[in-house]
Amino acid sequence: MPTARIPRSVPKPAPKVRSGMDANHLAMVRKLPCCVCGVRPRIVAHHLLRTGEHGMGRKSSDKWAVSLCATCHAALHHNGDEEAFLMSHGIDGRALASALWAVRGDLEAMERVVFRFRQRAKA
Protein backbone atom coordinates (compact mmCIF):
# COMPACT_ATOMS: atom_id res chain seq x y z
CA MET A 1 0.00 0.00 0.00
CA PRO A 2 1.54 3.36 -1.02
CA THR A 3 2.10 6.03 1.62
CA ALA A 4 0.09 9.23 1.39
CA ARG A 5 1.94 12.29 0.20
CA ILE A 6 -0.22 14.73 2.15
CA PRO A 7 -0.10 14.35 5.90
CA ARG A 8 -3.47 13.55 7.44
CA SER A 9 -2.99 15.87 10.38
CA VAL A 10 -2.93 19.57 9.67
CA PRO A 11 -1.38 21.82 12.30
CA LYS A 12 -3.86 24.19 13.90
CA PRO A 13 -3.03 27.87 14.12
CA ALA A 14 -2.36 29.30 17.57
CA PRO A 15 -5.49 30.75 19.17
CA LYS A 16 -5.80 34.53 19.06
CA VAL A 17 -5.26 36.20 22.41
CA ARG A 18 -7.70 39.00 23.18
CA SER A 19 -6.47 41.93 25.20
CA GLY A 20 -8.04 42.26 28.62
CA MET A 21 -8.28 38.51 29.19
CA ASP A 22 -6.71 37.11 32.36
CA ALA A 23 -7.80 33.85 34.04
CA ASN A 24 -5.86 34.75 37.19
CA HIS A 25 -7.81 38.01 37.48
CA LEU A 26 -11.11 36.11 37.26
CA ALA A 27 -9.94 33.66 39.94
CA MET A 28 -9.18 36.61 42.24
CA VAL A 29 -12.53 38.29 41.49
CA ARG A 30 -14.22 35.05 42.63
CA LYS A 31 -12.42 35.38 46.00
CA LEU A 32 -13.86 38.85 46.64
CA PRO A 33 -17.07 39.61 48.54
CA CYS A 34 -20.20 40.37 46.54
CA CYS A 35 -20.11 44.01 45.48
CA VAL A 36 -23.87 44.34 46.18
CA CYS A 37 -24.56 42.49 49.45
CA GLY A 38 -21.06 41.73 50.79
CA VAL A 39 -21.37 37.97 51.27
CA ARG A 40 -18.45 35.75 50.29
CA PRO A 41 -19.74 32.26 49.42
CA ARG A 42 -20.65 31.27 45.86
CA ILE A 43 -19.12 34.30 44.10
CA VAL A 44 -19.49 34.66 40.33
CA ALA A 45 -17.22 36.82 38.20
CA HIS A 46 -19.92 38.69 36.25
CA HIS A 47 -18.80 40.20 32.94
CA LEU A 48 -20.52 43.54 32.36
CA LEU A 49 -22.68 43.55 29.25
CA ARG A 50 -22.57 47.13 27.93
CA THR A 51 -18.85 47.65 27.42
CA GLY A 52 -18.66 47.93 23.65
CA GLU A 53 -16.88 44.55 23.49
CA HIS A 54 -19.97 42.40 23.94
CA GLY A 55 -21.41 40.95 20.75
CA MET A 56 -22.78 37.85 19.06
CA GLY A 57 -21.20 34.87 20.76
CA ARG A 58 -18.69 37.06 22.54
CA LYS A 59 -18.69 38.22 26.14
CA SER A 60 -16.88 41.26 27.44
CA SER A 61 -13.22 40.81 28.31
CA ASP A 62 -12.14 39.87 31.82
CA LYS A 63 -11.20 43.44 32.65
CA TRP A 64 -14.95 44.15 32.89
CA ALA A 65 -15.64 41.52 35.59
CA VAL A 66 -17.19 42.33 38.97
CA SER A 67 -17.88 40.04 41.94
CA LEU A 68 -21.47 39.00 42.58
CA CYS A 69 -22.87 36.25 44.78
CA ALA A 70 -25.09 33.70 43.04
CA THR A 71 -28.25 35.31 44.47
CA CYS A 72 -27.37 38.85 43.32
CA HIS A 73 -26.17 37.52 39.96
CA ALA A 74 -29.51 35.79 39.38
CA ALA A 75 -31.37 38.94 40.49
CA LEU A 76 -29.30 41.07 38.09
CA HIS A 77 -30.20 38.85 35.13
CA HIS A 78 -33.83 38.60 36.24
CA ASN A 79 -34.02 42.41 36.43
CA GLY A 80 -32.85 42.63 32.82
CA ASP A 81 -31.13 46.01 33.13
CA GLU A 82 -27.67 45.47 34.54
CA GLU A 83 -26.78 49.14 34.96
CA ALA A 84 -30.09 49.97 36.67
CA PHE A 85 -29.73 46.99 39.02
CA LEU A 86 -26.20 47.95 40.10
CA MET A 87 -27.05 51.66 40.37
CA SER A 88 -30.11 50.83 42.52
CA HIS A 89 -27.56 49.42 44.97
CA GLY A 90 -25.28 52.44 44.57
CA ILE A 91 -22.64 50.61 42.52
CA ASP A 92 -21.12 51.97 39.30
CA GLY A 93 -20.22 48.67 37.63
CA ARG A 94 -17.86 50.09 35.02
CA ALA A 95 -15.93 52.14 37.58
CA LEU A 96 -15.69 49.13 39.91
CA ALA A 97 -14.46 46.82 37.14
CA SER A 98 -11.88 49.40 36.03
CA ALA A 99 -10.64 49.85 39.60
CA LEU A 100 -10.36 46.07 40.09
CA TRP A 101 -8.45 45.71 36.81
CA ALA A 102 -6.08 48.52 37.83
CA VAL A 103 -4.98 46.58 40.94
CA ARG A 104 -5.21 43.07 39.46
CA GLY A 105 -2.89 40.55 40.98
CA ASP A 106 -3.16 42.07 44.48
CA LEU A 107 -6.05 40.40 46.32
CA GLU A 108 -5.87 42.71 49.34
CA ALA A 109 -6.03 45.81 47.14
CA MET A 110 -8.96 44.33 45.23
CA GLU A 111 -10.79 43.68 48.53
CA ARG A 112 -10.19 47.31 49.55
CA VAL A 113 -11.64 48.47 46.22
CA VAL A 114 -14.85 46.47 46.75
CA PHE A 115 -15.03 47.67 50.37
CA ARG A 116 -14.71 51.34 49.30
CA PHE A 117 -17.38 50.97 46.61
CA ARG A 118 -19.76 49.33 49.09
CA GLN A 119 -19.06 52.07 51.66
CA ARG A 120 -19.85 54.80 49.10
CA ALA A 121 -23.03 52.95 48.15
CA LYS A 122 -24.24 53.00 51.76
CA ALA A 123 -23.57 56.73 52.16
C-alpha atoms as a PDB file:
ATOM      1  CA  MET A   1       0.000   0.000   0.000  1.00  0.00           C
ATOM      2  CA  PRO A   2       1.539   3.356  -1.020  1.00  0.00           C
ATOM      3  CA  THR A   3       2.097   6.034   1.617  1.00  0.00           C
ATOM      4  CA  ALA A   4       0.087   9.229   1.392  1.00  0.00           C
ATOM      5  CA  ARG A   5       1.943  12.294   0.200  1.00  0.00           C
ATOM      6  CA  ILE A   6      -0.224  14.729   2.147  1.00  0.00           C
ATOM      7  CA  PRO A   7      -0.102  14.352   5.903  1.00  0.00           C
ATOM      8  CA  ARG A   8      -3.473  13.554   7.441  1.00  0.00           C
ATOM      9  CA  SER A   9      -2.987  15.874  10.382  1.00  0.00           C
ATOM     10  CA  VAL A  10      -2.926  19.572   9.668  1.00  0.00           C
ATOM     11  CA  PRO A  11      -1.377  21.820  12.300  1.00  0.00           C
ATOM     12  CA  LYS A  12      -3.864  24.191  13.903  1.00  0.00           C
ATOM     13  CA  PRO A  13      -3.027  27.873  14.122  1.00  0.00           C
ATOM     14  CA  ALA A  14      -2.360  29.296  17.574  1.00  0.00           C
ATOM     15  CA  PRO A  15      -5.490  30.751  19.172  1.00  0.00           C
ATOM     16  CA  LYS A  16      -5.802  34.527  19.064  1.00  0.00           C
ATOM     17  CA  VAL A  17      -5.260  36.197  22.406  1.00  0.00           C
ATOM     18  CA  ARG A  18      -7.704  39.001  23.181  1.00  0.00           C
ATOM     19  CA  SER A  19      -6.466  41.934  25.197  1.00  0.00           C
ATOM     20  CA  GLY A  20      -8.039  42.261  28.619  1.00  0.00           C
ATOM     21  CA  MET A  21      -8.276  38.513  29.191  1.00  0.00           C
ATOM     22  CA  ASP A  22      -6.707  37.106  32.364  1.00  0.00           C
ATOM     23  CA  ALA A  23      -7.804  33.854  34.038  1.00  0.00           C
ATOM     24  CA  ASN A  24      -5.857  34.754  37.190  1.00  0.00           C
ATOM     25  CA  HIS A  25      -7.811  38.010  37.485  1.00  0.00           C
ATOM     26  CA  LEU A  26     -11.109  36.112  37.264  1.00  0.00           C
ATOM     27  CA  ALA A  27      -9.942  33.665  39.939  1.00  0.00           C
ATOM     28  CA  MET A  28      -9.180  36.609  42.237  1.00  0.00           C
ATOM     29  CA  VAL A  29     -12.528  38.286  41.493  1.00  0.00           C
ATOM     30  CA  ARG A  30     -14.218  35.053  42.628  1.00  0.00           C
ATOM     31  CA  LYS A  31     -12.421  35.377  45.998  1.00  0.00           C
ATOM     32  CA  LEU A  32     -13.856  38.851  46.644  1.00  0.00           C
ATOM     33  CA  PRO A  33     -17.069  39.607  48.537  1.00  0.00           C
ATOM     34  CA  CYS A  34     -20.204  40.366  46.535  1.00  0.00           C
ATOM     35  CA  CYS A  35     -20.109  44.007  45.477  1.00  0.00           C
ATOM     36  CA  VAL A  36     -23.866  44.344  46.177  1.00  0.00           C
ATOM     37  CA  CYS A  37     -24.558  42.492  49.449  1.00  0.00           C
ATOM     38  CA  GLY A  38     -21.058  41.734  50.786  1.00  0.00           C
ATOM     39  CA  VAL A  39     -21.373  37.965  51.269  1.00  0.00           C
ATOM     40  CA  ARG A  40     -18.446  35.750  50.293  1.00  0.00           C
ATOM     41  CA  PRO A  41     -19.735  32.257  49.421  1.00  0.00           C
ATOM     42  CA  ARG A  42     -20.647  31.273  45.857  1.00  0.00           C
ATOM     43  CA  ILE A  43     -19.125  34.297  44.104  1.00  0.00           C
ATOM     44  CA  VAL A  44     -19.486  34.657  40.334  1.00  0.00           C
ATOM     45  CA  ALA A  45     -17.219  36.821  38.197  1.00  0.00           C
ATOM     46  CA  HIS A  46     -19.918  38.687  36.250  1.00  0.00           C
ATOM     47  CA  HIS A  47     -18.797  40.202  32.940  1.00  0.00           C
ATOM     48  CA  LEU A  48     -20.524  43.539  32.361  1.00  0.00           C
ATOM     49  CA  LEU A  49     -22.676  43.549  29.255  1.00  0.00           C
ATOM     50  CA  ARG A  50     -22.569  47.127  27.929  1.00  0.00           C
ATOM     51  CA  THR A  51     -18.854  47.652  27.423  1.00  0.00           C
ATOM     52  CA  GLY A  52     -18.656  47.926  23.654  1.00  0.00           C
ATOM     53  CA  GLU A  53     -16.884  44.553  23.493  1.00  0.00           C
ATOM     54  CA  HIS A  54     -19.965  42.395  23.937  1.00  0.00           C
ATOM     55  CA  GLY A  55     -21.410  40.949  20.745  1.00  0.00           C
ATOM     56  CA  MET A  56     -22.780  37.854  19.062  1.00  0.00           C
ATOM     57  CA  GLY A  57     -21.199  34.873  20.761  1.00  0.00           C
ATOM     58  CA  ARG A  58     -18.688  37.055  22.544  1.00  0.00           C
ATOM     59  CA  LYS A  59     -18.693  38.217  26.138  1.00  0.00           C
ATOM     60  CA  SER A  60     -16.877  41.260  27.440  1.00  0.00           C
ATOM     61  CA  SER A  61     -13.215  40.807  28.305  1.00  0.00           C
ATOM     62  CA  ASP A  62     -12.143  39.870  31.825  1.00  0.00           C
ATOM     63  CA  LYS A  63     -11.198  43.444  32.655  1.00  0.00           C
ATOM     64  CA  TRP A  64     -14.952  44.153  32.888  1.00  0.00           C
ATOM     65  CA  ALA A  65     -15.642  41.521  35.588  1.00  0.00           C
ATOM     66  CA  VAL A  66     -17.189  42.327  38.970  1.00  0.00           C
ATOM     67  CA  SER A  67     -17.878  40.043  41.941  1.00  0.00           C
ATOM     68  CA  LEU A  68     -21.471  39.003  42.575  1.00  0.00           C
ATOM     69  CA  CYS A  69     -22.870  36.247  44.784  1.00  0.00           C
ATOM     70  CA  ALA A  70     -25.088  33.704  43.041  1.00  0.00           C
ATOM     71  CA  THR A  71     -28.251  35.309  44.469  1.00  0.00           C
ATOM     72  CA  CYS A  72     -27.374  38.853  43.323  1.00  0.00           C
ATOM     73  CA  HIS A  73     -26.168  37.521  39.964  1.00  0.00           C
ATOM     74  CA  ALA A  74     -29.512  35.795  39.379  1.00  0.00           C
ATOM     75  CA  ALA A  75     -31.372  38.945  40.493  1.00  0.00           C
ATOM     76  CA  LEU A  76     -29.302  41.068  38.090  1.00  0.00           C
ATOM     77  CA  HIS A  77     -30.200  38.853  35.132  1.00  0.00           C
ATOM     78  CA  HIS A  78     -33.830  38.603  36.244  1.00  0.00           C
ATOM     79  CA  ASN A  79     -34.018  42.413  36.431  1.00  0.00           C
ATOM     80  CA  GLY A  80     -32.848  42.634  32.819  1.00  0.00           C
ATOM     81  CA  ASP A  81     -31.127  46.011  33.131  1.00  0.00           C
ATOM     82  CA  GLU A  82     -27.671  45.466  34.543  1.00  0.00           C
ATOM     83  CA  GLU A  83     -26.776  49.136  34.959  1.00  0.00           C
ATOM     84  CA  ALA A  84     -30.089  49.968  36.666  1.00  0.00           C
ATOM     85  CA  PHE A  85     -29.727  46.994  39.021  1.00  0.00           C
ATOM     86  CA  LEU A  86     -26.204  47.952  40.099  1.00  0.00           C
ATOM     87  CA  MET A  87     -27.052  51.662  40.369  1.00  0.00           C
ATOM     88  CA  SER A  88     -30.111  50.828  42.517  1.00  0.00           C
ATOM     89  CA  HIS A  89     -27.565  49.422  44.975  1.00  0.00           C
ATOM     90  CA  GLY A  90     -25.285  52.440  44.571  1.00  0.00           C
ATOM     91  CA  ILE A  91     -22.642  50.606  42.520  1.00  0.00           C
ATOM     92  CA  ASP A  92     -21.122  51.969  39.301  1.00  0.00           C
ATOM     93  CA  GLY A  93     -20.221  48.670  37.631  1.00  0.00           C
ATOM     94  CA  ARG A  94     -17.861  50.094  35.023  1.00  0.00           C
ATOM     95  CA  ALA A  95     -15.929  52.139  37.585  1.00  0.00           C
ATOM     96  CA  LEU A  96     -15.692  49.126  39.910  1.00  0.00           C
ATOM     97  CA  ALA A  97     -14.463  46.821  37.136  1.00  0.00           C
ATOM     98  CA  SER A  98     -11.882  49.403  36.035  1.00  0.00           C
ATOM     99  CA  ALA A  99     -10.641  49.852  39.605  1.00  0.00           C
ATOM    100  CA  LEU A 100     -10.356  46.075  40.088  1.00  0.00           C
ATOM    101  CA  TRP A 101      -8.452  45.711  36.809  1.00  0.00           C
ATOM    102  CA  ALA A 102      -6.079  48.517  37.828  1.00  0.00           C
ATOM    103  CA  VAL A 103      -4.977  46.577  40.943  1.00  0.00           C
ATOM    104  CA  ARG A 104      -5.214  43.072  39.456  1.00  0.00           C
ATOM    105  CA  GLY A 105      -2.890  40.550  40.984  1.00  0.00           C
ATOM    106  CA  ASP A 106      -3.163  42.069  44.482  1.00  0.00           C
ATOM    107  CA  LEU A 107      -6.054  40.400  46.322  1.00  0.00           C
ATOM    108  CA  GLU A 108      -5.865  42.708  49.343  1.00  0.00           C
ATOM    109  CA  ALA A 109      -6.034  45.811  47.140  1.00  0.00           C
ATOM    110  CA  MET A 110      -8.959  44.329  45.229  1.00  0.00           C
ATOM    111  CA  GLU A 111     -10.788  43.675  48.528  1.00  0.00           C
ATOM    112  CA  ARG A 112     -10.195  47.310  49.549  1.00  0.00           C
ATOM    113  CA  VAL A 113     -11.643  48.473  46.218  1.00  0.00           C
ATOM    114  CA  VAL A 114     -14.850  46.470  46.747  1.00  0.00           C
ATOM    115  CA  PHE A 115     -15.032  47.666  50.370  1.00  0.00           C
ATOM    116  CA  ARG A 116     -14.714  51.341  49.300  1.00  0.00           C
ATOM    117  CA  PHE A 117     -17.379  50.971  46.607  1.00  0.00           C
ATOM    118  CA  ARG A 118     -19.761  49.333  49.093  1.00  0.00           C
ATOM    119  CA  GLN A 119     -19.058  52.072  51.661  1.00  0.00           C
ATOM    120  CA  ARG A 120     -19.848  54.799  49.102  1.00  0.00           C
ATOM    121  CA  ALA A 121     -23.031  52.950  48.147  1.00  0.00           C
ATOM    122  CA  LYS A 122     -24.240  53.003  51.761  1.00  0.00           C
ATOM    123  CA  ALA A 123     -23.575  56.727  52.159  1.00  0.00           C
END
